[in-house]
Every structure is written in structure tokens, then in C-alpha cells.
Amino acid sequence: MSLATDLAPPPLVVSRRFAAPPELLFDAWLDPKAVGAWLFATPGGVSKHVEIDARVGGGFAIHEQRGEILATHFGEYREIVRPRRIVFTFGSNKVGPFSVVTVDIKPDGAGSVLTLTHRLLPEWASIDVSVRAGWESVLEGLARATGEEGDG
């Protein structure tokens, strides 16, 4: 597995408050049935298959049919600390290159604050705005999947 770290742009950071407690948010990241409904889901896309081996060194493959294209996201879990932190590699090709995503979850009253940090690949620097929008959409989907109404 290759990791692109040379000449990497600054990390992209997206944060959001959720009504759900940390345990519920954390578990939603590792539950194959839940993940298919919100992680990397696009309007009009259809979740086809989700594989998750939720352990350090285990991985995931999330397959979504987007029109004629079967979009697949791959990664390997590097750190799993329930209910606070998940670190995984992320890519759209099984052999890489891979970037690194860190999800940190902190309690906030009856809810939580989730901060997602994505260490972008150098070639993604020019599309960081759309990558940010993608992660914001992912977190809106997570909010809906954990019981929030509205647009997030």
C-alpha cells in the first residue's frame, strides 16, 4: 500500500455538532448496514455492497452504483478507539494511493462534536473545495442516519 505524504497540502478539517452521543456516532462508522445508507452515499446512488473488517489492520470496501459507474471506496483501519477515534486510509483504487482520514468524536452535553481531518493527496489540492463539500454531505448523512431531521 502506498501513502502519499510528500508535498501534501494542509489537512482539510470539517467539524459538526450532533445530537447523538459519541457511542452512536462511532458505531455508525463501523456498522456495514448503517454505512451503506450514509457514507459516500450520493443523491441518486444505490448502495450495492459494503464490506467492513472493523479492527486495526482490517479494511473496508464500499460500493455504490452511480448511474453506469460502480464507485468503490477502499481503506484500512489504522486506529480504532471506541467511542472517540477512528483513523483509516482512504482511496478509490484497491492498491492506492491512499490518503489518511481521522475521525475524532468528543462528548458535548447530550450530544457530540465530530471533527474529521483528511490529509489530502497532493493531486487533490486543486479540488479541496469539492472534497470538503463531500465530507460535509457525508456528515449530514450521518446526522440523518443517527436520528436528526432536516438537512443535517
Protein backbone atom coordinates (compact mmCIF):
# COMPACT_ATOMS: atom_id res chain seq x y z
CA MET A 1 0.00 0.00 0.00
CA SER A 2 1.41 3.40 -0.94
CA LEU A 3 0.75 6.52 1.08
CA ALA A 4 1.22 9.91 -0.49
CA THR A 5 2.76 12.20 2.11
CA ASP A 6 5.38 14.17 0.20
CA LEU A 7 4.28 17.66 -0.83
CA ALA A 8 0.87 17.10 0.76
CA PRO A 9 -1.43 20.12 1.08
CA PRO A 10 -2.57 21.22 4.55
CA PRO A 11 -5.10 18.86 6.11
CA LEU A 12 -8.76 19.50 5.37
CA VAL A 13 -10.77 19.75 8.62
CA VAL A 14 -14.57 19.53 8.88
CA SER A 15 -16.36 19.70 12.22
CA ARG A 16 -20.02 19.26 13.13
CA ARG A 17 -22.16 19.01 16.26
CA PHE A 18 -24.54 16.06 16.51
CA ALA A 19 -27.48 15.40 18.83
CA ALA A 20 -26.34 11.76 19.08
CA PRO A 21 -23.99 10.57 21.82
CA PRO A 22 -20.41 9.57 20.90
CA GLU A 23 -21.10 5.81 21.07
CA LEU A 24 -23.91 6.03 18.48
CA LEU A 25 -21.80 8.11 16.09
CA PHE A 26 -18.79 5.87 16.49
CA ASP A 27 -20.75 2.67 15.91
CA ALA A 28 -22.36 4.09 12.76
CA TRP A 29 -18.89 4.32 11.14
CA LEU A 30 -18.27 0.57 11.57
CA ASP A 31 -21.73 -0.97 11.00
CA PRO A 32 -21.99 -2.22 7.39
CA LYS A 33 -25.80 -1.79 7.27
CA ALA A 34 -25.60 1.78 8.59
CA VAL A 35 -22.60 2.75 6.44
CA GLY A 36 -24.36 1.81 3.20
CA ALA A 37 -27.03 4.42 3.92
CA TRP A 38 -24.77 7.41 4.51
CA LEU A 39 -21.01 7.01 3.98
CA PHE A 40 -20.03 8.04 0.43
CA ALA A 41 -23.74 7.90 -0.50
CA THR A 42 -24.76 10.29 -3.26
CA PRO A 43 -28.20 11.52 -4.37
CA GLY A 44 -29.41 9.00 -6.91
CA GLY A 45 -26.71 6.48 -5.98
CA VAL A 46 -27.63 2.98 -4.84
CA SER A 47 -25.59 1.17 -2.20
CA LYS A 48 -24.57 -2.18 -3.70
CA HIS A 49 -22.29 -3.80 -1.16
CA VAL A 50 -20.42 -2.82 1.99
CA GLU A 51 -17.53 -4.85 3.44
CA ILE A 52 -16.12 -3.85 6.82
CA ASP A 53 -13.49 -5.66 8.89
CA ALA A 54 -13.61 -3.33 11.90
CA ARG A 55 -10.23 -3.93 13.51
CA VAL A 56 -6.84 -2.31 13.28
CA GLY A 57 -5.32 -3.72 10.10
CA GLY A 58 -8.78 -4.64 8.79
CA GLY A 59 -10.32 -2.73 5.97
CA PHE A 60 -13.41 -1.62 4.14
CA ALA A 61 -14.80 -1.53 0.63
CA ILE A 62 -17.95 0.48 0.00
CA HIS A 63 -19.57 0.01 -3.41
CA GLU A 64 -22.23 2.39 -4.76
CA GLN A 65 -23.88 2.28 -8.19
CA ARG A 66 -23.88 5.80 -9.66
CA GLY A 67 -25.63 5.51 -13.00
CA GLU A 68 -23.40 3.35 -15.19
CA ILE A 69 -20.44 3.62 -12.79
CA LEU A 70 -19.77 1.40 -9.79
CA ALA A 71 -17.90 3.74 -7.42
CA THR A 72 -15.85 1.97 -4.77
CA HIS A 73 -14.01 3.44 -1.80
CA PHE A 74 -11.32 1.40 -0.08
CA GLY A 75 -9.39 1.79 3.13
CA GLU A 76 -7.63 0.18 6.04
CA TYR A 77 -8.21 0.92 9.71
CA ARG A 78 -5.10 2.18 11.49
CA GLU A 79 -6.59 3.13 14.83
CA ILE A 80 -9.93 2.31 16.48
CA VAL A 81 -10.61 3.69 19.96
CA ARG A 82 -14.30 3.39 20.86
CA PRO A 83 -16.07 5.81 21.12
CA ARG A 84 -13.50 8.53 20.48
CA ARG A 85 -11.38 7.96 17.39
CA ILE A 86 -11.13 6.15 14.07
CA VAL A 87 -8.16 6.57 11.72
CA PHE A 88 -8.25 4.98 8.27
CA THR A 89 -6.62 5.16 4.90
CA PHE A 90 -8.84 6.21 2.02
CA GLY A 91 -8.71 5.71 -1.72
CA SER A 92 -10.71 4.82 -4.80
CA ASN A 93 -8.32 2.14 -6.01
CA LYS A 94 -7.58 -1.00 -4.02
CA VAL A 95 -3.82 -0.62 -4.49
CA GLY A 96 -3.65 3.12 -3.74
CA PRO A 97 -2.55 5.75 -3.49
CA PHE A 98 -4.22 6.35 -0.13
CA SER A 99 -4.79 9.43 1.94
CA VAL A 100 -5.45 9.35 5.70
CA VAL A 101 -8.69 10.32 7.44
CA THR A 102 -9.02 10.81 11.19
CA VAL A 103 -12.41 10.97 12.90
CA ASP A 104 -12.38 12.38 16.43
CA ILE A 105 -15.58 12.35 18.50
CA LYS A 106 -15.99 14.27 21.76
CA PRO A 107 -18.99 14.42 24.08
CA ASP A 108 -20.81 17.75 24.07
CA GLY A 109 -23.68 17.85 26.57
CA ALA A 110 -26.16 15.18 25.50
CA GLY A 111 -24.63 15.13 22.02
CA SER A 112 -21.22 15.10 20.37
CA VAL A 113 -18.82 17.10 18.27
CA LEU A 114 -17.19 15.18 15.44
CA THR A 115 -14.05 16.53 13.80
CA LEU A 116 -12.91 14.88 10.58
CA THR A 117 -9.36 15.56 9.38
CA HIS A 118 -8.44 14.43 5.88
CA ARG A 119 -4.78 14.53 4.87
CA LEU A 120 -5.32 15.03 1.16
CA LEU A 121 -3.23 13.53 -1.57
CA PRO A 122 -1.13 16.16 -3.36
CA GLU A 123 -3.14 15.69 -6.55
CA TRP A 124 -6.35 16.56 -4.65
CA ALA A 125 -5.13 20.01 -3.56
CA SER A 126 -6.87 21.67 -6.52
CA ILE A 127 -10.23 20.07 -5.64
CA ASP A 128 -10.15 20.61 -1.88
CA VAL A 129 -13.38 22.66 -2.04
CA SER A 130 -15.30 19.75 -3.57
CA VAL A 131 -13.65 17.27 -1.17
CA ARG A 132 -14.76 19.48 1.74
CA ALA A 133 -18.30 19.61 0.31
CA GLY A 134 -18.26 15.82 0.01
CA TRP A 135 -17.29 15.34 3.66
CA GLU A 136 -19.89 17.91 4.77
CA SER A 137 -22.51 15.92 2.85
CA VAL A 138 -21.25 12.70 4.47
CA LEU A 139 -21.67 14.23 7.92
CA GLU A 140 -25.19 15.43 7.05
CA GLY A 141 -25.98 11.84 6.06
CA LEU A 142 -24.53 10.61 9.35
CA ALA A 143 -26.76 13.06 11.22
CA ARG A 144 -29.85 11.72 9.44
CA ALA A 145 -28.71 8.11 9.99
CA THR A 146 -28.40 8.77 13.74
CA GLY A 147 -31.85 10.31 14.08
CA GLU A 148 -31.56 14.01 13.24
CA GLU A 149 -34.13 15.56 10.97
CA GLY A 150 -33.82 18.22 8.29
CA ASP A 151 -30.68 18.92 6.30
CA GLY A 152 -28.34 17.68 8.97
